[in-house]
Protein backbone atom coordinates (compact mmCIF):
# COMPACT_ATOMS: atom_id res chain seq x y z
CA MET A 1 14.16 100.09 6.98
CA LYS A 2 13.15 97.94 9.63
CA LYS A 3 14.85 97.57 13.25
CA ASN A 4 17.25 94.19 13.63
CA LYS A 5 14.84 91.87 14.64
CA PHE A 6 14.82 90.06 18.36
CA LYS A 7 18.05 88.05 18.86
CA ILE A 8 18.30 85.30 21.16
CA SER A 9 21.42 85.62 23.00
CA LEU A 10 23.93 83.43 22.99
CA GLY A 11 23.21 82.04 26.50
CA ILE A 12 19.56 81.95 26.07
CA LYS A 13 20.31 79.32 23.33
CA ILE A 14 22.82 77.38 25.12
CA PHE A 15 20.07 77.65 27.75
CA PHE A 16 17.55 76.38 25.77
CA ILE A 17 19.62 73.46 24.30
CA VAL A 18 20.97 72.58 27.98
CA SER A 19 17.49 72.96 29.21
CA SER A 20 15.93 70.35 26.42
CA LEU A 21 18.84 67.99 27.01
CA LEU A 22 18.05 67.88 30.53
CA PHE A 23 14.48 67.74 30.20
CA PHE A 24 14.74 65.09 27.93
CA ILE A 25 17.11 62.97 30.53
CA ILE A 26 15.01 63.54 32.92
CA TRP A 27 12.31 61.77 30.68
CA VAL A 28 14.54 59.34 30.46
CA ALA A 29 15.35 58.55 33.81
CA PHE A 30 12.04 58.75 34.99
CA PHE A 31 10.46 56.05 32.11
CA SER A 32 13.74 53.97 33.40
CA TYR A 33 12.74 54.33 36.87
CA SER A 34 9.01 53.19 36.11
CA LYS A 35 10.80 50.24 34.18
CA ILE A 36 13.06 49.31 36.79
CA LYS A 37 9.68 49.66 39.33
CA GLU A 38 8.01 47.38 37.07
CA VAL A 39 10.35 44.81 36.72
CA SER A 40 10.15 44.81 40.15
CA LYS A 41 6.89 43.96 40.98
CA GLU A 42 7.38 40.87 38.20
CA LEU A 43 10.74 39.60 40.23
CA PHE A 44 8.45 39.96 43.49
CA ASN A 45 5.77 38.09 41.91
CA LEU A 46 7.81 35.90 40.70
CA SER A 47 9.70 35.24 44.01
CA GLU A 48 6.87 35.61 46.54
CA TYR A 49 4.05 33.83 44.50
CA ILE A 50 5.27 32.13 41.39
CA ILE A 51 8.05 29.98 42.77
CA PRO A 52 6.77 29.24 46.23
CA VAL A 53 3.89 27.54 44.28
CA THR A 54 5.92 26.21 42.23
CA ASN A 55 8.04 24.48 45.09
CA GLN A 56 4.72 23.65 46.49
CA ILE A 57 3.62 21.69 44.07
CA SER A 58 7.01 19.71 43.70
CA LEU A 59 6.47 18.78 47.43
CA VAL A 60 2.78 17.46 46.84
CA GLU A 61 4.07 15.03 43.76
CA THR A 62 7.02 14.03 45.97
CA HIS A 63 4.55 13.06 48.96
CA THR A 64 1.69 12.04 46.52
CA LEU A 65 4.34 9.49 44.70
CA GLU A 66 5.79 8.65 48.41
CA GLN A 67 1.88 7.43 49.80
CA GLU A 68 1.15 5.78 46.60
CA LYS A 69 4.35 3.78 47.42
CA HIS A 70 2.88 3.33 50.98
CA TYR A 71 -0.24 1.78 49.37
CA GLU A 72 1.54 -0.72 46.87
CA ARG A 73 3.56 -1.92 49.92
CA LEU A 74 0.37 -2.47 52.13
CA ILE A 75 -1.66 -3.97 49.40
CA LYS A 76 1.54 -6.56 48.81
CA LEU A 77 1.55 -6.99 52.84
CA TYR A 78 -1.82 -7.93 52.83
CA GLU A 79 -1.64 -10.08 49.56
CA MET A 80 0.98 -12.13 51.80
CA ASP A 81 -0.27 -14.87 53.94
CA GLU A 82 1.99 -14.26 57.34
CA THR A 83 2.75 -11.19 57.49
CA SER A 84 4.03 -8.90 60.79
CA LYS A 85 1.39 -6.31 62.05
CA LYS A 86 3.86 -4.47 63.01
CA HIS A 87 5.00 -3.80 59.12
CA LYS A 88 1.80 -2.99 58.10
CA ASP A 89 1.14 -0.42 60.84
CA LYS A 90 4.06 0.98 60.12
CA GLU A 91 3.37 1.65 56.27
CA PHE A 92 -0.19 2.64 57.22
CA LYS A 93 1.48 4.99 59.28
CA GLY A 94 3.87 6.45 56.85
CA PHE A 95 0.41 6.42 54.25
CA ASN A 96 -1.30 8.67 56.72
CA GLU A 97 1.79 10.91 57.16
CA ARG A 98 2.14 11.44 53.46
CA GLY A 99 -1.50 12.06 53.44
CA VAL A 100 -1.24 14.60 55.96
CA LYS A 101 1.93 16.30 54.23
CA VAL A 102 -0.18 16.66 50.53
CA ASP A 103 -2.92 17.97 52.32
CA LYS A 104 -1.10 20.98 54.36
CA GLU A 105 1.21 21.65 51.04
CA ILE A 106 -2.12 22.32 48.64
CA GLU A 107 -3.40 24.32 51.29
CA LYS A 108 -0.29 26.45 51.60
CA ALA A 109 -0.92 26.33 47.49
CA ILE A 110 -3.98 27.67 47.24
CA ARG A 111 -2.82 30.22 50.02
CA ILE A 112 -0.50 31.58 48.12
CA VAL A 113 -2.47 31.45 45.01
CA LYS A 114 -5.34 33.49 46.66
CA GLU A 115 -2.84 35.70 48.45
CA ALA A 116 -1.62 36.88 44.76
CA GLU A 117 -4.85 36.67 43.34
CA SER A 118 -5.77 39.55 45.63
CA LYS A 119 -2.28 41.56 45.89
CA SER A 120 -0.56 41.31 42.47
CA ALA A 121 -0.17 44.68 40.95
CA ILE A 122 0.32 42.64 37.67
CA PRO A 123 -2.91 42.03 35.65
CA GLU A 124 -1.79 39.09 33.87
CA ASP A 125 -0.15 37.36 36.84
CA LYS A 126 -3.95 38.21 38.61
CA GLU A 127 -5.41 36.21 35.78
CA TYR A 128 -3.24 33.65 35.79
CA PHE A 129 -3.48 32.60 39.47
CA LYS A 130 -7.19 33.18 39.09
CA ASN A 131 -7.08 30.53 37.01
CA LEU A 132 -4.83 28.47 38.71
CA GLU A 133 -6.92 28.17 41.97
CA PRO A 134 -9.87 25.67 40.38
CA PHE A 135 -6.71 23.10 39.49
CA LEU A 136 -5.63 22.98 42.83
CA VAL A 137 -8.66 22.70 44.32
CA LYS A 138 -9.53 19.80 41.91
CA ILE A 139 -6.13 18.17 42.91
CA GLU A 140 -7.40 18.45 46.37
CA LYS A 141 -10.71 16.64 46.05
CA GLU A 142 -8.51 14.15 43.72
CA HIS A 143 -6.18 13.27 46.39
CA GLN A 144 -8.64 12.87 49.17
CA ASP A 145 -10.75 10.68 47.16
CA PHE A 146 -7.84 8.80 46.44
CA HIS A 147 -6.78 8.92 50.25
CA ASP A 148 -10.30 7.82 51.49
CA HIS A 149 -10.84 4.83 48.64
CA VAL A 150 -7.65 3.70 49.88
CA LEU A 151 -9.20 3.65 53.61
CA LYS A 152 -11.77 1.40 52.33
CA VAL A 153 -9.38 -0.90 50.15
CA LEU A 154 -7.85 -1.80 53.85
CA THR A 155 -10.94 -2.09 55.46
CA PHE A 156 -12.16 -4.46 52.71
CA LEU A 157 -8.70 -6.00 53.31
CA LYS A 158 -9.00 -6.48 57.24
CA LYS A 159 -12.53 -7.86 56.77
CA ASN A 160 -11.17 -10.27 53.77
CA ARG A 161 -13.76 -8.63 51.39
CA LYS A 162 -10.79 -9.38 48.92
CA ALA A 163 -13.75 -9.19 45.98
CA ASP A 164 -14.79 -5.72 47.15
CA ALA A 165 -11.30 -4.56 47.82
CA TYR A 166 -9.87 -6.03 44.26
CA ALA A 167 -13.11 -4.15 42.37
CA LEU A 168 -11.85 -0.65 44.33
CA GLU A 169 -8.24 -1.61 43.42
CA GLU A 170 -9.10 -0.98 39.72
CA LYS A 171 -10.82 2.50 40.66
CA ILE A 172 -7.84 3.75 42.76
CA LYS A 173 -5.58 2.59 40.01
CA TYR A 174 -7.32 5.01 37.89
CA GLU A 175 -7.16 7.86 40.65
CA GLU A 176 -3.73 7.52 40.78
CA ASP A 177 -2.68 8.14 37.19
CA HIS A 178 -5.34 10.98 36.93
CA LEU A 179 -4.27 12.81 39.94
CA ASP A 180 -0.53 12.26 39.16
CA LYS A 181 -1.04 13.75 35.52
CA ASP A 182 -3.40 16.37 37.06
CA ILE A 183 -0.23 17.66 39.68
CA ASN A 184 2.36 17.29 36.58
CA ALA A 185 0.30 19.17 34.33
CA ILE A 186 0.35 22.31 37.22
CA TYR A 187 4.09 21.78 37.77
CA LEU A 188 4.65 22.09 33.84
CA SER A 189 2.54 25.12 33.70
CA LEU A 190 3.85 26.91 36.68
CA ARG A 191 7.44 26.37 35.06
CA ASN A 192 6.45 27.35 31.98
CA TYR A 193 4.87 30.99 33.32
CA THR A 194 7.89 31.39 35.41
CA LYS A 195 10.07 31.30 32.18
CA LYS A 196 8.02 33.54 30.55
CA THR A 197 8.03 35.99 33.06
CA GLY A 198 11.80 35.86 33.15
CA ASP A 199 11.81 36.55 29.46
CA ILE A 200 9.57 39.80 30.14
CA VAL A 201 11.81 40.68 32.86
CA ASP A 202 15.23 40.58 30.63
CA ALA A 203 13.27 42.40 27.70
CA HIS A 204 12.17 45.02 30.04
CA GLN A 205 16.35 45.57 31.49
CA LYS A 206 17.50 45.53 28.02
CA ASP A 207 14.76 48.41 27.31
CA ILE A 208 16.24 50.20 30.42
CA LEU A 209 20.18 49.77 28.72
CA VAL A 210 19.48 51.00 25.69
CA LEU A 211 17.88 54.09 27.53
CA ASN A 212 20.86 54.47 29.62
CA LEU A 213 23.33 54.09 26.28
CA VAL A 214 21.27 56.70 24.70
CA LEU A 215 21.48 59.21 27.96
CA THR A 216 25.26 58.41 28.34
CA ALA A 217 25.54 59.60 24.55
CA SER A 218 23.27 62.91 25.02
CA ALA A 219 25.61 63.24 28.06
CA VAL A 220 28.88 63.02 26.07
CA PHE A 221 27.39 65.36 23.54
CA LEU A 222 26.65 68.32 25.99
CA GLY A 223 30.09 67.64 27.50
CA LEU A 224 31.91 68.59 24.11
CA LEU A 225 29.45 71.29 23.74
CA THR A 226 29.83 73.02 26.45
CA ALA A 227 33.90 72.68 26.17
CA PHE A 228 33.70 74.19 22.74
CA ILE A 229 31.53 77.24 23.94
CA PHE A 230 32.89 77.89 27.46
CA THR A 231 35.94 79.11 29.02
CA ARG A 232 39.05 76.73 29.22
CA GLY A 233 37.90 76.81 33.29
CA LEU A 234 34.51 75.09 32.61
CA THR A 235 36.90 72.00 31.11
CA ARG A 236 37.69 70.30 34.60
CA PRO A 237 34.20 69.61 35.52
CA VAL A 238 33.44 68.07 31.79
CA ARG A 239 36.64 65.87 32.21
CA ILE A 240 35.61 64.96 35.35
CA LEU A 241 32.23 63.74 34.19
CA ASN A 242 33.89 62.04 30.96
CA SER A 243 35.82 60.73 33.09
CA ALA A 244 32.72 58.81 35.36
CA MET A 245 31.42 58.28 31.66
CA GLN A 246 34.06 56.08 30.95
CA GLY A 247 33.68 54.10 33.96
CA VAL A 248 30.21 53.08 33.45
CA LYS A 249 31.32 51.98 29.86
CA ASN A 250 33.65 49.54 31.74
CA GLY A 251 30.77 48.57 34.21
CA ASN A 252 31.83 50.41 36.96
CA TYR A 253 28.68 51.91 38.45
CA ASN A 254 30.02 52.87 42.25
CA THR A 255 32.39 56.12 41.05
CA PHE A 256 30.24 58.97 41.23
CA PRO A 257 31.22 62.32 39.51
CA ASP A 258 32.78 65.07 41.90
CA VAL A 259 30.75 68.15 40.27
CA LYS A 260 29.70 70.69 42.95
CA THR A 261 28.87 73.65 39.74
CA ASN A 262 25.36 75.42 39.99
CA ASP A 263 25.48 75.46 36.36
CA GLU A 264 24.16 72.82 33.53
CA ILE A 265 27.25 70.87 33.82
CA GLY A 266 26.08 70.45 37.38
CA MET A 267 22.73 69.50 36.84
CA LEU A 268 24.02 66.67 33.99
CA ALA A 269 26.18 65.48 36.76
CA ALA A 270 23.33 64.98 39.36
CA THR A 271 21.49 63.35 36.80
CA PHE A 272 24.08 61.22 35.52
CA GLN A 273 24.29 59.99 38.96
CA THR A 274 21.07 58.85 39.40
CA MET A 275 22.03 57.16 35.81
CA MET A 276 24.40 55.14 37.61
CA GLU A 277 22.10 54.26 40.28
CA GLN A 278 19.74 52.89 38.04
CA LEU A 279 22.35 50.93 36.20
CA ALA A 280 23.54 49.55 39.56
CA LEU A 281 19.85 48.47 40.39
CA LYS A 282 19.44 46.89 37.12
CA ASP A 283 22.95 45.06 38.05
CA LYS A 284 21.64 44.18 41.08
CA ILE A 285 18.25 43.07 39.81
CA LYS A 286 19.67 40.85 37.26
CA SER A 287 22.22 39.40 39.76
CA THR A 288 18.96 38.47 42.28
CA PHE A 289 16.71 37.24 39.27
CA GLY A 290 19.59 34.65 38.01
CA LYS A 291 19.29 33.14 41.47
CA TYR A 292 15.46 32.06 40.23
CA VAL A 293 16.02 30.96 36.96
CA ASP A 294 17.12 27.55 37.28
CA PRO A 295 14.07 24.81 38.36
CA ARG A 296 14.79 22.31 40.79
CA VAL A 297 13.63 18.53 40.09
CA VAL A 298 11.91 16.49 41.98
CA GLU A 299 13.50 14.87 44.57
CA ASN A 300 14.40 11.04 43.90
CA LEU A 301 12.17 8.64 46.29
CA ILE A 302 14.71 5.62 46.12
CA ASN A 303 18.21 6.20 46.23
CA GLN A 304 18.91 9.94 45.64
CA LYS A 305 18.30 12.90 47.75
CA ASN A 306 18.40 15.45 44.81
CA ILE A 307 18.51 15.52 41.39
CA THR A 308 19.35 18.55 39.55
CA THR A 309 19.73 19.47 35.75
CA GLY A 310 23.07 20.04 34.49
CA GLY A 311 26.54 18.76 33.92
CA GLU A 312 30.06 18.94 35.93
CA LYS A 313 33.48 18.47 35.00
CA LYS A 314 35.30 15.27 36.39
CA ILE A 315 37.38 12.88 36.26
CA MET A 316 35.80 9.42 35.81
CA THR A 317 36.61 6.20 34.70
CA VAL A 318 34.23 4.79 31.44
CA MET A 319 34.16 1.02 30.21
CA PHE A 320 32.78 -0.52 27.29
CA SER A 321 32.21 -4.33 27.34
CA HIS A 322 30.96 -6.95 25.33
CA VAL A 323 30.50 -10.36 24.85
CA ASN A 324 31.55 -11.44 21.18
CA GLN A 325 29.19 -14.44 19.53
CA VAL A 326 26.32 -13.85 22.11
CA ASP A 327 23.67 -12.87 19.12
CA THR A 328 25.45 -16.15 16.93
CA ALA A 329 25.01 -18.35 20.12
CA ILE A 330 20.95 -17.48 20.18
CA GLU A 331 19.99 -16.97 16.88
CA LYS A 332 17.88 -20.18 16.79
CA LEU A 333 16.21 -19.56 19.68
CA SER A 334 12.28 -18.16 19.89
CA ALA A 335 11.77 -14.44 20.24
CA ASP A 336 11.15 -15.08 23.81
CA GLU A 337 13.73 -17.28 24.23
CA GLN A 338 16.11 -14.80 22.83
CA VAL A 339 15.22 -12.06 24.80
CA ASN A 340 15.26 -14.48 27.96
CA VAL A 341 18.95 -15.33 27.50
CA ILE A 342 19.76 -11.77 26.38
CA ASN A 343 18.30 -10.59 29.52
CA LYS A 344 19.97 -12.90 31.73
CA TYR A 345 23.36 -12.06 29.96
CA PHE A 346 22.78 -8.68 30.52
CA SER A 347 22.09 -9.52 34.39
CA ILE A 348 25.53 -11.36 34.90
CA MET A 349 27.43 -8.99 33.40
CA SER A 350 25.68 -5.81 34.97
CA LYS A 351 26.28 -7.99 38.43
CA ALA A 352 30.10 -7.51 38.10
CA VAL A 353 29.42 -3.57 37.10
CA ASP A 354 27.02 -3.24 40.51
CA ASP A 355 29.41 -4.92 42.97
CA SER A 356 32.67 -3.02 41.83
CA ARG A 357 30.40 0.83 42.49
CA GLY A 358 29.57 0.89 38.85
CA VAL A 359 26.69 2.67 37.16
CA ILE A 360 25.09 1.18 34.05
CA ASP A 361 24.95 3.90 31.51
CA LYS A 362 23.07 2.17 28.89
CA PHE A 363 22.85 -0.91 27.03
CA ILE A 364 23.93 -0.61 23.20
CA GLY A 365 22.96 -4.06 21.13
CA THR A 366 24.64 -6.53 23.73
CA MET A 367 27.37 -4.26 25.19
CA ILE A 368 27.21 -2.28 28.15
CA MET A 369 28.48 0.83 28.50
CA ALA A 370 29.52 1.81 32.48
CA PHE A 371 30.97 4.75 34.41
CA TRP A 372 33.16 5.15 37.75
CA GLY A 373 33.26 8.42 39.77
CA THR A 374 32.43 10.41 42.81
CA PRO A 375 30.11 10.19 44.47
CA PHE A 376 29.65 6.65 43.47
CA THR A 377 33.07 5.64 44.19
CA SER A 378 36.08 7.61 45.97
CA GLU A 379 37.81 10.19 44.18
CA ASN A 380 40.96 8.10 43.07
CA ASN A 381 39.86 4.33 43.26
CA HIS A 382 37.38 4.38 40.12
CA PRO A 383 40.31 3.14 37.95
CA ILE A 384 40.79 -0.02 40.18
CA HIS A 385 37.08 -0.66 40.41
CA ALA A 386 36.32 -0.66 36.90
CA CYS A 387 39.15 -2.89 36.17
CA LYS A 388 38.16 -5.27 39.11
CA ALA A 389 34.75 -5.06 37.26
CA HIS A 390 36.51 -6.52 33.85
CA LEU A 391 38.16 -9.06 36.18
CA LYS A 392 34.77 -10.49 37.27
CA GLN A 393 33.23 -10.31 33.81
CA LYS A 394 36.30 -12.02 32.51
CA GLU A 395 35.60 -15.13 35.27
CA LEU A 396 31.72 -14.94 34.40
CA VAL A 397 32.87 -15.50 30.53
CA ARG A 398 34.79 -18.37 31.60
CA GLU A 399 31.63 -19.97 33.72
CA GLY A 400 29.28 -19.36 31.21
CA PHE A 401 31.16 -21.29 28.34
CA LYS A 402 31.66 -24.21 30.39
CA ASN A 403 27.62 -24.22 30.79
CA PHE A 404 27.40 -23.68 27.20
CA GLN A 405 29.55 -26.10 26.13
CA LYS A 406 27.77 -28.94 27.84
CA ASN A 407 25.30 -28.52 25.41
CA ASN A 408 27.49 -27.87 22.55
CA PRO A 409 30.55 -30.25 23.08
CA ASN A 410 31.92 -29.40 19.51
CA ILE A 411 32.04 -25.49 20.07
CA GLU A 412 35.62 -23.82 19.87
CA LYS A 413 37.31 -23.03 23.26
CA ASP A 414 37.21 -18.88 22.23
CA PHE A 415 33.42 -18.73 21.20
CA PHE A 416 33.09 -16.39 23.64
CA SER A 417 35.44 -13.69 23.82
CA LEU A 418 35.19 -10.67 26.00
CA ARG A 419 35.92 -7.45 24.52
CA CYS A 420 36.35 -4.62 26.84
CA GLY A 421 37.66 -0.74 26.63
CA ILE A 422 38.24 1.33 29.77
CA SER A 423 39.55 4.86 29.99
CA THR A 424 40.20 7.52 32.74
CA GLY A 425 39.97 11.02 32.10
CA SER A 426 38.28 14.13 32.05
CA LEU A 427 34.37 14.44 31.24
CA ILE A 428 31.15 16.18 31.52
CA VAL A 429 28.61 13.90 34.16
CA GLY A 430 25.15 15.27 34.91
CA ASN A 431 21.66 14.83 34.35
CA MET A 432 20.93 15.62 30.70
CA GLY A 433 17.89 15.21 28.19
CA SER A 434 14.82 17.26 26.89
CA ASN A 435 12.26 18.60 29.28
CA GLN A 436 10.32 15.64 29.19
CA SER A 437 13.07 12.77 29.58
CA LYS A 438 16.44 13.01 31.20
CA SER A 439 19.21 10.90 31.94
CA TYR A 440 22.34 10.81 34.16
CA THR A 441 24.77 9.97 31.90
CA VAL A 442 28.75 11.09 30.81
CA ILE A 443 29.83 12.79 27.71
CA GLY A 444 33.43 13.63 26.32
CA GLU A 445 36.64 12.68 24.73
CA THR A 446 37.29 10.09 27.54
CA VAL A 447 33.68 8.53 26.54
CA ASN A 448 35.15 8.15 22.71
CA ILE A 449 38.26 6.87 23.98
CA ALA A 450 36.76 4.13 25.72
CA SER A 451 34.75 3.08 22.98
CA ARG A 452 37.61 2.92 20.04
CA LEU A 453 39.24 0.78 23.02
CA HIS A 454 36.92 -1.47 22.83
CA GLY A 455 37.22 -1.81 19.17
CA ALA A 456 41.03 -2.10 19.43
CA ALA A 457 40.71 -4.81 22.17
CA GLU A 458 38.97 -6.71 19.33
CA GLN A 459 41.57 -5.96 16.84
CA TYR A 460 44.57 -6.63 18.95
CA GLY A 461 42.83 -10.17 20.07
CA VAL A 462 42.81 -9.67 24.25
CA PRO A 463 40.20 -9.35 26.65
CA ALA A 464 40.71 -5.53 27.40
CA LEU A 465 42.59 -1.90 26.74
CA ILE A 466 42.60 0.57 28.84
CA ASN A 467 44.22 4.06 28.36
CA GLU A 468 47.60 5.76 30.09
CA MET A 469 45.79 7.15 32.74
CA ALA A 470 43.70 4.44 33.91
CA ASN A 471 47.08 2.18 34.15
CA SER A 472 48.77 4.57 36.01
CA ALA A 473 46.01 4.60 38.87
CA VAL A 474 45.74 0.89 38.90
CA ILE A 475 49.37 -0.16 38.79
CA ASP A 476 49.63 -0.62 42.69
CA LYS A 477 46.87 -3.26 42.58
CA ILE A 478 46.35 -4.81 38.87
CA VAL A 479 49.14 -6.60 37.07
CA THR A 480 48.72 -5.08 33.57
CA ARG A 481 50.60 -5.51 30.42
CA GLU A 482 51.76 -2.71 27.93
CA ILE A 483 50.49 -3.54 24.35
CA ASP A 484 50.96 -0.73 22.30
CA THR A 485 51.02 3.34 21.43
CA ILE A 486 48.06 3.48 18.80
CA ARG A 487 46.39 6.52 17.64
CA VAL A 488 42.56 5.57 17.03
CA ILE A 489 40.11 7.00 14.64
CA GLY A 490 39.00 10.59 15.58
CA LEU A 491 41.93 11.36 18.05
CA GLU A 492 45.50 12.90 16.85
CA GLU A 493 47.46 12.15 19.89
CA GLY A 494 49.01 8.52 20.58
CA LEU A 495 47.85 6.53 23.02
CA THR A 496 49.74 3.85 25.27
CA VAL A 497 47.25 1.30 25.76
CA PHE A 498 47.65 -1.76 28.39
CA ASP A 499 46.06 -4.89 28.80
CA ILE A 500 44.33 -6.21 32.15
CA LEU A 501 46.37 -9.47 33.34
CA PHE A 502 45.10 -10.58 37.13
CA GLU A 503 44.94 -8.44 40.52
CA LYS A 504 47.56 -8.30 42.37
CA GLY A 505 48.82 -10.92 45.23
CA VAL A 506 46.42 -13.87 43.44
CA ASN A 507 49.02 -16.29 43.01
CA SER A 508 48.57 -19.40 40.19
CA ASN A 509 50.46 -21.47 37.47
CA GLU A 510 48.56 -18.95 34.93
CA ASN A 511 49.52 -15.61 36.73
CA ASN A 512 52.96 -16.82 37.06
CA THR A 513 52.95 -17.82 33.23
CA LEU A 514 51.41 -14.44 32.61
CA LEU A 515 54.24 -12.45 34.45
CA LYS A 516 56.70 -14.11 32.20
CA LEU A 517 54.95 -13.04 29.20
CA LYS A 518 54.58 -9.62 30.37
CA LYS A 519 58.28 -9.46 31.10
CA TYR A 520 59.09 -10.92 27.46
CA TYR A 521 56.54 -8.74 25.76
CA GLU A 522 57.65 -5.63 27.16
CA GLU A 523 61.22 -5.80 26.45
CA GLY A 524 60.85 -7.23 22.88
CA LEU A 525 58.65 -3.87 22.47
CA LYS A 526 61.40 -1.71 23.48
CA TYR A 527 63.54 -3.36 21.16
CA TYR A 528 60.69 -2.87 18.43
CA ARG A 529 60.32 1.09 19.29
CA TYR A 530 64.19 1.52 18.92
CA LYS A 531 63.78 -0.62 15.68
CA ASP A 532 66.21 -3.47 16.81
CA TRP A 533 64.21 -5.86 15.12
CA ASP A 534 66.46 -9.05 15.53
CA ASN A 535 66.22 -8.70 19.39
CA ALA A 536 62.62 -7.98 19.28
CA VAL A 537 61.68 -10.86 16.98
CA LYS A 538 63.48 -13.03 19.27
CA LEU A 539 61.45 -12.19 22.51
CA PHE A 540 58.09 -12.20 20.57
CA LYS A 541 59.02 -15.55 19.21
CA SER A 542 59.36 -16.23 23.10
CA CYS A 543 56.01 -15.05 24.19
CA LEU A 544 54.83 -17.42 21.53
CA LYS A 545 56.52 -20.05 23.21
CA ILE A 546 54.89 -19.20 26.41
CA LYS A 547 51.18 -18.56 24.94
CA PRO A 548 50.98 -20.05 21.40
CA SER A 549 47.62 -17.88 20.55
CA ASP A 550 48.70 -14.44 22.12
CA LYS A 551 47.78 -12.67 18.97
CA PRO A 552 49.46 -9.02 20.20
CA SER A 553 52.85 -10.87 19.71
CA LYS A 554 51.85 -11.72 16.59
CA ILE A 555 50.72 -8.41 15.53
CA ILE A 556 54.21 -7.39 16.21
CA LEU A 557 55.94 -9.99 14.48
CA ASN A 558 54.27 -9.36 11.21
CA ARG A 559 54.38 -5.99 11.81
CA ILE A 560 58.36 -6.18 11.93
CA THR A 561 58.07 -8.42 8.90
CA THR A 562 56.78 -5.29 6.81
CA PHE A 563 59.18 -2.77 8.40
CA ARG A 564 62.01 -4.95 7.22
CA LYS A 565 61.15 -4.38 3.76
CA ASN A 566 59.70 -0.93 4.20
CA PRO A 567 61.43 0.62 6.71
CA PRO A 568 59.31 3.29 8.63
CA LYS A 569 60.93 6.79 8.49
CA GLU A 570 63.88 8.12 10.58
CA ASN A 571 61.68 10.26 12.67
CA TRP A 572 59.15 7.38 13.57
CA ASP A 573 57.33 7.39 17.14
CA GLY A 574 56.54 4.00 17.49
CA VAL A 575 52.66 5.00 17.38
CA TRP A 576 50.64 2.47 15.12
CA ASN A 577 47.37 3.93 13.17
CA LEU A 578 44.60 1.66 13.42
CA LYS A 579 42.17 1.73 10.56
CA LYS A 580 38.92 0.80 12.32
CA LYS A 581 36.61 1.94 14.97
């Protein structure tokens, strides 16, 4: 018989297992390190080359547009018979200054691109910058041609060679369009390349995370294995290591395992510390990269200094305003005449909003949507501005009716009627839209409520309805009348709504009458909610004596007649459900 075969001792087996595992861990750590190094290179290119070039092109676009504006104003000044030389010199100086800025910014962008082309450690980035450079040279030449031709036009105008100037202006217009398009194309290319690079970095970070999770699982396995094989005295460092692993699981990469043994567990602890440092570095890279993801929007050239893409939650006021019968009044006019009337209508109605510091959001048919809030108004006064805009619109509608009545003497008194919904509350405001087209607008439930109150005003036959939050804000400045508590379509909660009567401090017979109406109506509303029909009817009839056309009083009286035949439930909350928007 043969003697026993050579046996591998348990220690050697354990050594082989531990050594193999450590080799695997070191390989993963090295691979993770190479990935992190690659991410660092990509992040360096992003922060040192791609984003700076993008910013330079953004500045080129801004200052080119400003230079074009100076050119347009110069042309207009030369077209005027009597123009101050001082104004021309000022515009010409601005034109030249913007031209110098554009030249310097293009030169700087080209320098950055050349540096990236020569120093970038990523071949794809090298190729991209190499292809980008000719386009920058192209816009540099296009801008120089534009600048030279403008100077030539101005020379013609100074010499009164208007025919030559006008002929060259057409060419300049063509050059302007091509220059703007080329600059915008480069900007879009850089922005897309930034996003692409960011996606690559994110993918590499995910790879590192997976590898680190594998490493953690391997370390856990080793800890359990050694705890089972070795003596009880070796369990303490294993527990310490396991505790550190739990810290990694919870996102804590700063607590390192205090294991100082010179065995396999000590080696694992050292490798685990390297892993934690890599995870910490990955977190740092992720945090740093997050600062460069969101792109900047070109400076607004007219009113605003900066426009950023995104939204912000604020308390603001929204208004929907519309004058009935405008369409009917113009339906017999020609298309051009209709457009002319509608434009005048919007100009008049919008002026009330503009004068009250409001922002026109959009025109919907013949309806105006507007909003108020910071930074356009103070934080607390926007409901007052909105209500004052409505009162101004009301006044304008009256004047408009008088003018219309001159040519239409048989027209009914209430032919034109203003309907307005105003709501104050929380909403999202910001620059929203697609990559190609954006709009500074508001969204949220407050907007929907304002729209529903506009429809409710039509049903109640009042010029405006505002919500309770708006009413609380204007109560010291504006006289309002509580109309009802309603539940609009799409909203579960009841809304207490108010009509806007007049601005406080304005005394007149009409306003005194409205105060009496307010007093009787709101007292009647209390009796109505208590289901004291008799007293409620007396007060609402008193309202109709003061103002026979008061539709809210008529609506409540009809409702009471119905409730007398079919009483509401005992737990009736006084809220009326509207069936229409």
